[in-house]
Amino acid sequence: MLMMVTTTAPPTTSLLHRHPLLRLSPFTSHHCRRHLPRSISVTASASASKEPVLRSFHEKRALKIIAGLQNFDRSVVASVVTAADKGGATHVDIACDPDLVNLAVSLTSLPVCVSSVDPEEFPAAVEAGAQMVEIGNYDSFYETGRLFSPEEIIKLTKETKKILPSITLSVTVPHTLSLPDQVMLAELLEQEGVDIIQTEGGKYSSPSKPGVLGLIEKATPTLASAYSISRAVKIPVMCSSGLSAVTAPMALTAGASGVGIGSAVNRLNDLIAMIAEVRSIADSLGLTTTHPTEDVRTVRT
């Protein structure tokens, strides 16, 4: 249950009474205590139109392959990016690091998204060529017991919009919130000007049944979030976490405009296997892809 306390921070227009999350105490981590730079002017190329990035979401066929927010292994990231490119994905999501962005854009023409929970990290990655930023992919933090509250996410969103007002912004709604609170947070994020809401389902969900039944069981939390949130907001919803070729089409049926795939690809140890997995999911979504060539591009690390 969310604790209600009075805050001196100014409320967001008329949503205060509609959304009690706005009355929560402000987040005070080191990320938000630091003095943020003044609004940063990025180059015209970095501030490119959102339309090419959002097109596949508007067409309800987006497929984003996620390397991991704290995955800075160049070899692994290069393999994930290559698999996304060759397997028929529409976007790739990597850690927020300019060097990794440079690597990614040298390997693919797909829009590159960078993930972080520190808004100050985004501008350098955008300058390097990232076309989309994501506040989310919290899985690695959950391992240490670190959770993200609604008020913290709202504050991070405001800071990101202040620093990069023109960049495509995606924000993940934590699965640790109750479903009604997830919907409430999604509505607030839409009001803040977020372009995409991403759902998650819990990294450690353990299906009780094997095979197809287990795959469906594992995806149930994120599918439920996508269904509920997509009916509450008008912006695209990306269903992520615990999805497979079996359940990815269910996400679109539930109301999502795209799916995000992480561990199903990034935990594989073989590039060809990665490409095959991405292709399997792309095929399940009906994406038009070309068959990978025999000579998969050699990746420099």
C-alpha atoms as a PDB file:
ATOM      1  CA  MET A   1       0.000   0.000   0.000  1.00  0.00           C
ATOM      2  CA  LEU A   2       1.273   3.486  -0.897  1.00  0.00           C
ATOM      3  CA  MET A   3       1.774   5.898   2.077  1.00  0.00           C
ATOM      4  CA  MET A   4       0.135   9.307   1.709  1.00  0.00           C
ATOM      5  CA  VAL A   5       2.105  12.260   3.062  1.00  0.00           C
ATOM      6  CA  THR A   6       2.045  15.959   2.350  1.00  0.00           C
ATOM      7  CA  THR A   7       4.762  17.301   0.080  1.00  0.00           C
ATOM      8  CA  THR A   8       5.854  20.855  -0.611  1.00  0.00           C
ATOM      9  CA  ALA A   9       6.653  20.023  -4.208  1.00  0.00           C
ATOM     10  CA  PRO A  10       4.221  21.645  -6.659  1.00  0.00           C
ATOM     11  CA  PRO A  11       1.567  19.218  -7.915  1.00  0.00           C
ATOM     12  CA  THR A  12       1.140  18.351 -11.539  1.00  0.00           C
ATOM     13  CA  THR A  13      -1.805  20.497 -12.699  1.00  0.00           C
ATOM     14  CA  SER A  14      -5.213  19.092 -11.820  1.00  0.00           C
ATOM     15  CA  LEU A  15      -4.111  15.482 -11.415  1.00  0.00           C
ATOM     16  CA  LEU A  16      -3.332  15.828  -7.715  1.00  0.00           C
ATOM     17  CA  HIS A  17      -6.718  14.753  -6.459  1.00  0.00           C
ATOM     18  CA  ARG A  18      -7.179  12.183  -9.195  1.00  0.00           C
ATOM     19  CA  HIS A  19      -3.814  10.572  -8.580  1.00  0.00           C
ATOM     20  CA  PRO A  20      -2.738  10.313  -4.948  1.00  0.00           C
ATOM     21  CA  LEU A  21       0.712   9.108  -6.051  1.00  0.00           C
ATOM     22  CA  LEU A  22       1.555  12.779  -6.531  1.00  0.00           C
ATOM     23  CA  ARG A  23       1.211  13.419  -2.803  1.00  0.00           C
ATOM     24  CA  LEU A  24       4.015  10.978  -1.964  1.00  0.00           C
ATOM     25  CA  SER A  25       7.221  12.266  -0.463  1.00  0.00           C
ATOM     26  CA  PRO A  26       9.816  13.266  -3.084  1.00  0.00           C
ATOM     27  CA  PHE A  27      12.582  10.864  -3.959  1.00  0.00           C
ATOM     28  CA  THR A  28      15.904  11.852  -2.428  1.00  0.00           C
ATOM     29  CA  SER A  29      18.484   9.484  -3.897  1.00  0.00           C
ATOM     30  CA  HIS A  30      21.850  10.793  -5.046  1.00  0.00           C
ATOM     31  CA  HIS A  31      20.591  10.785  -8.648  1.00  0.00           C
ATOM     32  CA  CYS A  32      18.048  13.501  -7.871  1.00  0.00           C
ATOM     33  CA  ARG A  33      20.003  15.457  -5.237  1.00  0.00           C
ATOM     34  CA  ARG A  34      22.741  16.280  -7.700  1.00  0.00           C
ATOM     35  CA  HIS A  35      22.445  19.581  -9.508  1.00  0.00           C
ATOM     36  CA  LEU A  36      21.166  18.850 -12.985  1.00  0.00           C
ATOM     37  CA  PRO A  37      22.695  20.689 -15.934  1.00  0.00           C
ATOM     38  CA  ARG A  38      20.671  23.319 -17.683  1.00  0.00           C
ATOM     39  CA  SER A  39      18.622  22.142 -20.662  1.00  0.00           C
ATOM     40  CA  ILE A  40      21.140  20.669 -23.050  1.00  0.00           C
ATOM     41  CA  SER A  41      21.022  21.522 -26.723  1.00  0.00           C
ATOM     42  CA  VAL A  42      21.844  18.466 -28.779  1.00  0.00           C
ATOM     43  CA  THR A  43      22.695  18.377 -32.441  1.00  0.00           C
ATOM     44  CA  ALA A  44      20.029  18.291 -35.125  1.00  0.00           C
ATOM     45  CA  SER A  45      20.873  14.687 -35.920  1.00  0.00           C
ATOM     46  CA  ALA A  46      20.518  13.713 -32.263  1.00  0.00           C
ATOM     47  CA  SER A  47      17.169  15.498 -32.064  1.00  0.00           C
ATOM     48  CA  ALA A  48      15.856  13.810 -35.189  1.00  0.00           C
ATOM     49  CA  SER A  49      12.142  13.350 -35.654  1.00  0.00           C
ATOM     50  CA  LYS A  50      10.478  10.835 -33.390  1.00  0.00           C
ATOM     51  CA  GLU A  51       8.404   9.488 -36.256  1.00  0.00           C
ATOM     52  CA  PRO A  52      10.920   6.931 -37.584  1.00  0.00           C
ATOM     53  CA  VAL A  53      11.474   5.643 -34.045  1.00  0.00           C
ATOM     54  CA  LEU A  54       7.778   5.403 -33.212  1.00  0.00           C
ATOM     55  CA  ARG A  55       6.509   4.169 -36.592  1.00  0.00           C
ATOM     56  CA  SER A  56       6.591   0.466 -35.755  1.00  0.00           C
ATOM     57  CA  PHE A  57       4.821   1.180 -32.450  1.00  0.00           C
ATOM     58  CA  HIS A  58       2.061   3.040 -34.247  1.00  0.00           C
ATOM     59  CA  GLU A  59       1.803   0.085 -36.625  1.00  0.00           C
ATOM     60  CA  LYS A  60       1.641  -2.246 -33.595  1.00  0.00           C
ATOM     61  CA  ARG A  61       4.574  -4.359 -34.722  1.00  0.00           C
ATOM     62  CA  ALA A  62       7.556  -3.152 -32.675  1.00  0.00           C
ATOM     63  CA  LEU A  63      10.133  -5.711 -31.529  1.00  0.00           C
ATOM     64  CA  LYS A  64      12.895  -4.407 -29.262  1.00  0.00           C
ATOM     65  CA  ILE A  65      15.808  -6.651 -28.308  1.00  0.00           C
ATOM     66  CA  ILE A  66      17.311  -5.722 -24.943  1.00  0.00           C
ATOM     67  CA  ALA A  67      20.988  -6.258 -24.098  1.00  0.00           C
ATOM     68  CA  GLY A  68      20.603  -5.180 -20.459  1.00  0.00           C
ATOM     69  CA  LEU A  69      20.896  -1.946 -18.498  1.00  0.00           C
ATOM     70  CA  GLN A  70      24.116  -3.056 -16.789  1.00  0.00           C
ATOM     71  CA  ASN A  71      25.553  -5.132 -19.605  1.00  0.00           C
ATOM     72  CA  PHE A  72      28.750  -3.341 -20.635  1.00  0.00           C
ATOM     73  CA  ASP A  73      30.402  -6.393 -22.217  1.00  0.00           C
ATOM     74  CA  ARG A  74      31.191  -5.198 -25.740  1.00  0.00           C
ATOM     75  CA  SER A  75      31.266  -8.695 -27.174  1.00  0.00           C
ATOM     76  CA  VAL A  76      27.864  -9.625 -25.773  1.00  0.00           C
ATOM     77  CA  VAL A  77      26.316  -6.281 -26.708  1.00  0.00           C
ATOM     78  CA  ALA A  78      27.690  -6.568 -30.234  1.00  0.00           C
ATOM     79  CA  SER A  79      26.184 -10.048 -30.570  1.00  0.00           C
ATOM     80  CA  VAL A  80      22.789  -8.870 -29.291  1.00  0.00           C
ATOM     81  CA  VAL A  81      22.792  -5.919 -31.691  1.00  0.00           C
ATOM     82  CA  THR A  82      23.786  -8.127 -34.605  1.00  0.00           C
ATOM     83  CA  ALA A  83      21.102 -10.670 -33.689  1.00  0.00           C
ATOM     84  CA  ALA A  84      18.478  -7.920 -33.552  1.00  0.00           C
ATOM     85  CA  ASP A  85      19.591  -6.623 -36.940  1.00  0.00           C
ATOM     86  CA  LYS A  86      19.792 -10.005 -38.677  1.00  0.00           C
ATOM     87  CA  GLY A  87      16.788 -11.537 -36.932  1.00  0.00           C
ATOM     88  CA  GLY A  88      14.225  -8.931 -37.954  1.00  0.00           C
ATOM     89  CA  ALA A  89      13.790  -6.750 -34.856  1.00  0.00           C
ATOM     90  CA  THR A  90      12.751  -3.104 -35.158  1.00  0.00           C
ATOM     91  CA  HIS A  91      14.759  -1.651 -32.235  1.00  0.00           C
ATOM     92  CA  VAL A  92      17.706  -2.525 -30.020  1.00  0.00           C
ATOM     93  CA  ASP A  93      18.150  -1.469 -26.383  1.00  0.00           C
ATOM     94  CA  ILE A  94      21.600  -1.246 -24.767  1.00  0.00           C
ATOM     95  CA  ALA A  95      23.241   0.198 -21.648  1.00  0.00           C
ATOM     96  CA  CYS A  96      23.642   3.973 -21.598  1.00  0.00           C
ATOM     97  CA  ASP A  97      27.256   4.277 -22.684  1.00  0.00           C
ATOM     98  CA  PRO A  98      28.504   6.397 -25.634  1.00  0.00           C
ATOM     99  CA  ASP A  99      31.122   3.825 -26.638  1.00  0.00           C
ATOM    100  CA  LEU A 100      28.475   1.092 -26.772  1.00  0.00           C
ATOM    101  CA  VAL A 101      26.238   3.376 -28.820  1.00  0.00           C
ATOM    102  CA  ASN A 102      29.077   3.955 -31.282  1.00  0.00           C
ATOM    103  CA  LEU A 103      29.517   0.192 -31.508  1.00  0.00           C
ATOM    104  CA  ALA A 104      25.800  -0.393 -32.010  1.00  0.00           C
ATOM    105  CA  VAL A 105      25.344   2.191 -34.757  1.00  0.00           C
ATOM    106  CA  SER A 106      28.310   0.695 -36.590  1.00  0.00           C
ATOM    107  CA  LEU A 107      26.512  -2.669 -36.649  1.00  0.00           C
ATOM    108  CA  THR A 108      22.899  -1.745 -37.408  1.00  0.00           C
ATOM    109  CA  SER A 109      20.645   0.910 -38.860  1.00  0.00           C
ATOM    110  CA  LEU A 110      17.908   0.034 -36.359  1.00  0.00           C
ATOM    111  CA  PRO A 111      16.964   2.760 -33.865  1.00  0.00           C
ATOM    112  CA  VAL A 112      19.181   2.406 -30.793  1.00  0.00           C
ATOM    113  CA  CYS A 113      17.627   2.886 -27.369  1.00  0.00           C
ATOM    114  CA  VAL A 114      19.745   3.396 -24.239  1.00  0.00           C
ATOM    115  CA  SER A 115      18.556   2.473 -20.738  1.00  0.00           C
ATOM    116  CA  SER A 116      19.495   4.102 -17.458  1.00  0.00           C
ATOM    117  CA  VAL A 117      18.041   5.331 -14.171  1.00  0.00           C
ATOM    118  CA  ASP A 118      20.279   8.417 -14.200  1.00  0.00           C
ATOM    119  CA  PRO A 119      19.018  11.162 -16.556  1.00  0.00           C
ATOM    120  CA  GLU A 120      22.437  12.826 -16.613  1.00  0.00           C
ATOM    121  CA  GLU A 121      23.840   9.833 -18.498  1.00  0.00           C
ATOM    122  CA  PHE A 122      21.499  10.228 -21.460  1.00  0.00           C
ATOM    123  CA  PRO A 123      22.865  13.300 -23.349  1.00  0.00           C
ATOM    124  CA  ALA A 124      26.268  11.792 -24.162  1.00  0.00           C
ATOM    125  CA  ALA A 125      24.613   8.627 -25.477  1.00  0.00           C
ATOM    126  CA  VAL A 126      22.193  10.677 -27.578  1.00  0.00           C
ATOM    127  CA  GLU A 127      25.092  12.668 -29.003  1.00  0.00           C
ATOM    128  CA  ALA A 128      26.724   9.357 -29.938  1.00  0.00           C
ATOM    129  CA  GLY A 129      23.656   8.361 -31.946  1.00  0.00           C
ATOM    130  CA  ALA A 130      20.983   6.938 -29.616  1.00  0.00           C
ATOM    131  CA  GLN A 131      17.498   7.846 -30.885  1.00  0.00           C
ATOM    132  CA  MET A 132      15.501   6.781 -27.848  1.00  0.00           C
ATOM    133  CA  VAL A 133      16.045   6.689 -24.084  1.00  0.00           C
ATOM    134  CA  GLU A 134      14.495   4.360 -21.540  1.00  0.00           C
ATOM    135  CA  ILE A 135      14.038   4.816 -17.811  1.00  0.00           C
ATOM    136  CA  GLY A 136      13.654   1.203 -16.875  1.00  0.00           C
ATOM    137  CA  ASN A 137      14.930  -2.348 -17.305  1.00  0.00           C
ATOM    138  CA  TYR A 138      15.190  -2.505 -13.517  1.00  0.00           C
ATOM    139  CA  ASP A 139      15.844  -6.255 -13.272  1.00  0.00           C
ATOM    140  CA  SER A 140      19.478  -5.986 -12.211  1.00  0.00           C
ATOM    141  CA  PHE A 141      18.513  -3.681  -9.335  1.00  0.00           C
ATOM    142  CA  TYR A 142      15.897  -6.059  -7.984  1.00  0.00           C
ATOM    143  CA  GLU A 143      18.668  -8.586  -7.336  1.00  0.00           C
ATOM    144  CA  THR A 144      20.019  -6.274  -4.626  1.00  0.00           C
ATOM    145  CA  GLY A 145      16.615  -5.425  -3.189  1.00  0.00           C
ATOM    146  CA  ARG A 146      16.525  -2.013  -4.879  1.00  0.00           C
ATOM    147  CA  LEU A 147      12.949  -1.026  -5.786  1.00  0.00           C
ATOM    148  CA  PHE A 148      11.608   1.979  -7.680  1.00  0.00           C
ATOM    149  CA  SER A 149       8.658   3.909  -6.283  1.00  0.00           C
ATOM    150  CA  PRO A 150       6.118   5.839  -8.371  1.00  0.00           C
ATOM    151  CA  GLU A 151       7.287   9.225  -7.093  1.00  0.00           C
ATOM    152  CA  GLU A 152      10.900   8.358  -7.938  1.00  0.00           C
ATOM    153  CA  ILE A 153       9.969   7.379 -11.484  1.00  0.00           C
ATOM    154  CA  ILE A 154       7.924  10.553 -11.962  1.00  0.00           C
ATOM    155  CA  LYS A 155      10.880  12.639 -10.789  1.00  0.00           C
ATOM    156  CA  LEU A 156      13.325  10.837 -13.087  1.00  0.00           C
ATOM    157  CA  THR A 157      10.899  11.400 -15.956  1.00  0.00           C
ATOM    158  CA  LYS A 158      10.640  15.130 -15.256  1.00  0.00           C
ATOM    159  CA  GLU A 159      14.428  15.427 -15.134  1.00  0.00           C
ATOM    160  CA  THR A 160      14.866  13.544 -18.401  1.00  0.00           C
ATOM    161  CA  LYS A 161      12.256  15.691 -20.156  1.00  0.00           C
ATOM    162  CA  LYS A 162      14.029  18.818 -18.868  1.00  0.00           C
ATOM    163  CA  ILE A 163      17.417  17.701 -20.170  1.00  0.00           C
ATOM    164  CA  LEU A 164      16.241  16.145 -23.464  1.00  0.00           C
ATOM    165  CA  PRO A 165      12.797  17.527 -24.273  1.00  0.00           C
ATOM    166  CA  SER A 166      12.767  16.276 -27.876  1.00  0.00           C
ATOM    167  CA  ILE A 167      14.086  12.722 -27.551  1.00  0.00           C
ATOM    168  CA  THR A 168      11.771   9.706 -27.711  1.00  0.00           C
ATOM    169  CA  LEU A 169      11.248   8.639 -24.106  1.00  0.00           C
ATOM    170  CA  SER A 170      10.122   5.241 -22.836  1.00  0.00           C
ATOM    171  CA  VAL A 171       9.504   4.550 -19.147  1.00  0.00           C
ATOM    172  CA  THR A 172       9.009   1.180 -17.478  1.00  0.00           C
ATOM    173  CA  VAL A 173       6.244   0.745 -14.926  1.00  0.00           C
ATOM    174  CA  PRO A 174       7.572  -1.588 -12.183  1.00  0.00           C
ATOM    175  CA  HIS A 175       5.867  -4.935 -11.744  1.00  0.00           C
ATOM    176  CA  THR A 176       6.395  -4.534  -7.989  1.00  0.00           C
ATOM    177  CA  LEU A 177       3.422  -2.141  -7.919  1.00  0.00           C
ATOM    178  CA  SER A 178      -0.135  -3.441  -7.713  1.00  0.00           C
ATOM    179  CA  LEU A 179      -1.946  -3.498 -11.040  1.00  0.00           C
ATOM    180  CA  PRO A 180      -4.160  -0.490 -10.148  1.00  0.00           C
ATOM    181  CA  ASP A 181      -1.059   1.482  -9.123  1.00  0.00           C
ATOM    182  CA  GLN A 182       0.690   0.494 -12.361  1.00  0.00           C
ATOM    183  CA  VAL A 183      -2.237   1.912 -14.311  1.00  0.00           C
ATOM    184  CA  MET A 184      -2.240   5.079 -12.204  1.00  0.00           C
ATOM    185  CA  LEU A 185       1.484   5.599 -12.740  1.00  0.00           C
ATOM    186  CA  ALA A 186       1.100   5.021 -16.496  1.00  0.00           C
ATOM    187  CA  GLU A 187      -1.562   7.726 -16.639  1.00  0.00           C
ATOM    188  CA  LEU A 188       0.737  10.150 -14.831  1.00  0.00           C
ATOM    189  CA  LEU A 189       3.617   9.332 -17.177  1.00  0.00           C
ATOM    190  CA  GLU A 190       1.402   9.998 -20.183  1.00  0.00           C
ATOM    191  CA  GLN A 191       0.571  13.404 -18.687  1.00  0.00           C
ATOM    192  CA  GLU A 192       4.306  14.091 -18.323  1.00  0.00           C
ATOM    193  CA  GLY A 193       4.806  13.601 -22.073  1.00  0.00           C
ATOM    194  CA  VAL A 194       6.285  10.088 -22.121  1.00  0.00           C
ATOM    195  CA  ASP A 195       6.120   8.483 -25.582  1.00  0.00           C
ATOM    196  CA  ILE A 196       6.037   4.784 -24.628  1.00  0.00           C
ATOM    197  CA  ILE A 197       5.103   2.844 -21.505  1.00  0.00           C
ATOM    198  CA  GLN A 198       6.974  -0.414 -20.983  1.00  0.00           C
ATOM    199  CA  THR A 199       5.650  -3.185 -18.761  1.00  0.00           C
ATOM    200  CA  GLU A 200       7.553  -5.897 -16.929  1.00  0.00           C
ATOM    201  CA  GLY A 201       6.549  -9.130 -15.299  1.00  0.00           C
ATOM    202  CA  GLY A 202       9.140 -10.151 -12.757  1.00  0.00           C
ATOM    203  CA  LYS A 203      12.478 -11.697 -13.535  1.00  0.00           C
ATOM    204  CA  TYR A 204      12.139 -14.550 -11.113  1.00  0.00           C
ATOM    205  CA  SER A 205       8.675 -15.812 -11.971  1.00  0.00           C
ATOM    206  CA  SER A 206       8.893 -19.604 -11.882  1.00  0.00           C
ATOM    207  CA  PRO A 207       6.232 -21.405 -13.899  1.00  0.00           C
ATOM    208  CA  SER A 208       4.747 -24.433 -12.192  1.00  0.00           C
ATOM    209  CA  LYS A 209       4.207 -26.236 -15.499  1.00  0.00           C
ATOM    210  CA  PRO A 210       6.616 -27.219 -18.272  1.00  0.00           C
ATOM    211  CA  GLY A 211       6.437 -26.487 -21.977  1.00  0.00           C
ATOM    212  CA  VAL A 212       3.906 -24.179 -23.571  1.00  0.00           C
ATOM    213  CA  LEU A 213       1.793 -23.958 -20.410  1.00  0.00           C
ATOM    214  CA  GLY A 214       4.850 -22.782 -18.498  1.00  0.00           C
ATOM    215  CA  LEU A 215       5.662 -20.143 -21.124  1.00  0.00           C
ATOM    216  CA  ILE A 216       2.130 -18.772 -20.902  1.00  0.00           C
ATOM    217  CA  GLU A 217       2.213 -18.829 -17.108  1.00  0.00           C
ATOM    218  CA  LYS A 218       5.525 -16.956 -17.043  1.00  0.00           C
ATOM    219  CA  ALA A 219       4.179 -14.216 -19.308  1.00  0.00           C
ATOM    220  CA  THR A 220       0.902 -13.727 -17.430  1.00  0.00           C
ATOM    221  CA  PRO A 221       1.989 -10.779 -15.201  1.00  0.00           C
ATOM    222  CA  THR A 222       3.341  -8.631 -18.031  1.00  0.00           C
ATOM    223  CA  LEU A 223       0.393  -9.532 -20.279  1.00  0.00           C
ATOM    224  CA  ALA A 224      -2.005  -8.448 -17.534  1.00  0.00           C
ATOM    225  CA  SER A 225      -0.133  -5.156 -17.163  1.00  0.00           C
ATOM    226  CA  ALA A 226      -0.169  -4.536 -20.915  1.00  0.00           C
ATOM    227  CA  TYR A 227      -3.888  -5.260 -21.108  1.00  0.00           C
ATOM    228  CA  SER A 228      -4.772  -2.929 -18.240  1.00  0.00           C
ATOM    229  CA  ILE A 229      -2.407  -0.078 -19.095  1.00  0.00           C
ATOM    230  CA  SER A 230      -3.187  -0.070 -22.828  1.00  0.00           C
ATOM    231  CA  ARG A 231      -6.829   0.584 -22.004  1.00  0.00           C
ATOM    232  CA  ALA A 232      -5.972   3.507 -19.735  1.00  0.00           C
ATOM    233  CA  VAL A 233      -3.531   5.458 -21.938  1.00  0.00           C
ATOM    234  CA  LYS A 234      -3.391   6.546 -25.566  1.00  0.00           C
ATOM    235  CA  ILE A 235       0.366   6.258 -26.016  1.00  0.00           C
ATOM    236  CA  PRO A 236       1.957   2.965 -27.161  1.00  0.00           C
ATOM    237  CA  VAL A 237       2.562   0.223 -24.606  1.00  0.00           C
ATOM    238  CA  MET A 238       5.518  -2.142 -24.947  1.00  0.00           C
ATOM    239  CA  CYS A 239       5.027  -5.493 -23.248  1.00  0.00           C
ATOM    240  CA  SER A 240       8.310  -6.824 -21.902  1.00  0.00           C
ATOM    241  CA  SER A 241       9.726  -9.471 -19.572  1.00  0.00           C
ATOM    242  CA  GLY A 242       9.191 -13.205 -19.716  1.00  0.00           C
ATOM    243  CA  LEU A 243       7.970 -13.285 -23.320  1.00  0.00           C
ATOM    244  CA  SER A 244       8.711 -15.856 -25.998  1.00  0.00           C
ATOM    245  CA  ALA A 245       7.641 -16.725 -29.547  1.00  0.00           C
ATOM    246  CA  VAL A 246       4.583 -18.370 -27.965  1.00  0.00           C
ATOM    247  CA  THR A 247       3.480 -15.366 -25.915  1.00  0.00           C
ATOM    248  CA  ALA A 248       4.699 -12.379 -27.952  1.00  0.00           C
ATOM    249  CA  PRO A 249       1.605 -12.474 -30.226  1.00  0.00           C
ATOM    250  CA  MET A 250      -0.575 -12.600 -27.106  1.00  0.00           C
ATOM    251  CA  ALA A 251       0.953  -9.285 -26.011  1.00  0.00           C
ATOM    252  CA  LEU A 252      -0.273  -7.592 -29.193  1.00  0.00           C
ATOM    253  CA  THR A 253      -3.698  -9.143 -28.747  1.00  0.00           C
ATOM    254  CA  ALA A 254      -3.743  -7.843 -25.174  1.00  0.00           C
ATOM    255  CA  GLY A 255      -3.280  -4.301 -26.457  1.00  0.00           C
ATOM    256  CA  ALA A 256       0.478  -3.791 -26.639  1.00  0.00           C
ATOM    257  CA  SER A 257       2.016  -1.986 -29.607  1.00  0.00           C
ATOM    258  CA  GLY A 258       5.210  -3.973 -29.373  1.00  0.00           C
ATOM    259  CA  VAL A 259       7.243  -6.409 -27.315  1.00  0.00           C
ATOM    260  CA  GLY A 260      10.604  -6.223 -25.581  1.00  0.00           C
ATOM    261  CA  ILE A 261      12.794  -9.329 -25.412  1.00  0.00           C
ATOM    262  CA  GLY A 262      15.794  -9.552 -23.101  1.00  0.00           C
ATOM    263  CA  SER A 263      17.059 -12.745 -21.468  1.00  0.00           C
ATOM    264  CA  ALA A 264      15.525 -15.013 -24.114  1.00  0.00           C
ATOM    265  CA  VAL A 265      18.215 -13.616 -26.419  1.00  0.00           C
ATOM    266  CA  ASN A 266      20.984 -12.007 -24.364  1.00  0.00           C
ATOM    267  CA  ARG A 267      21.617 -15.115 -22.249  1.00  0.00           C
ATOM    268  CA  LEU A 268      22.369 -17.286 -25.266  1.00  0.00           C
ATOM    269  CA  ASN A 269      26.045 -17.972 -25.863  1.00  0.00           C
ATOM    270  CA  ASP A 270      25.980 -18.366 -29.618  1.00  0.00           C
ATOM    271  CA  LEU A 271      25.330 -15.628 -32.181  1.00  0.00           C
ATOM    272  CA  ILE A 272      23.532 -17.947 -34.577  1.00  0.00           C
ATOM    273  CA  ALA A 273      21.263 -19.114 -31.753  1.00  0.00           C
ATOM    274  CA  MET A 274      20.551 -15.474 -30.887  1.00  0.00           C
ATOM    275  CA  ILE A 275      19.607 -14.684 -34.478  1.00  0.00           C
ATOM    276  CA  ALA A 276      17.385 -17.764 -34.633  1.00  0.00           C
ATOM    277  CA  GLU A 277      15.569 -16.757 -31.442  1.00  0.00           C
ATOM    278  CA  VAL A 278      14.976 -13.208 -32.647  1.00  0.00           C
ATOM    279  CA  ARG A 279      13.769 -14.554 -35.994  1.00  0.00           C
ATOM    280  CA  SER A 280      11.388 -16.960 -34.275  1.00  0.00           C
ATOM    281  CA  ILE A 281       9.807 -14.118 -32.310  1.00  0.00           C
ATOM    282  CA  ALA A 282       9.734 -11.817 -35.347  1.00  0.00           C
ATOM    283  CA  ASP A 283       7.990 -14.544 -37.352  1.00  0.00           C
ATOM    284  CA  SER A 284       5.450 -15.053 -34.564  1.00  0.00           C
ATOM    285  CA  LEU A 285       4.599 -11.337 -34.829  1.00  0.00           C
ATOM    286  CA  GLY A 286       4.277 -11.530 -38.599  1.00  0.00           C
ATOM    287  CA  LEU A 287       7.229  -9.247 -39.268  1.00  0.00           C
ATOM    288  CA  THR A 288       8.699  -9.385 -42.747  1.00  0.00           C
ATOM    289  CA  THR A 289      12.315 -10.419 -42.503  1.00  0.00           C
ATOM    290  CA  THR A 290      15.030 -11.521 -44.870  1.00  0.00           C
ATOM    291  CA  HIS A 291      16.890 -14.753 -44.301  1.00  0.00           C
ATOM    292  CA  PRO A 292      20.286 -14.276 -42.639  1.00  0.00           C
ATOM    293  CA  THR A 293      23.217 -14.676 -44.970  1.00  0.00           C
ATOM    294  CA  GLU A 294      25.823 -17.364 -44.534  1.00  0.00           C
ATOM    295  CA  ASP A 295      28.437 -14.759 -43.739  1.00  0.00           C
ATOM    296  CA  VAL A 296      27.124 -13.155 -40.548  1.00  0.00           C
ATOM    297  CA  ARG A 297      28.988  -9.901 -40.083  1.00  0.00           C
ATOM    298  CA  THR A 298      32.160 -10.262 -38.043  1.00  0.00           C
ATOM    299  CA  VAL A 299      31.836  -8.276 -34.836  1.00  0.00           C
ATOM    300  CA  ARG A 300      34.753  -6.198 -33.631  1.00  0.00           C
ATOM    301  CA  THR A 301      35.090  -5.850 -29.884  1.00  0.00           C
END
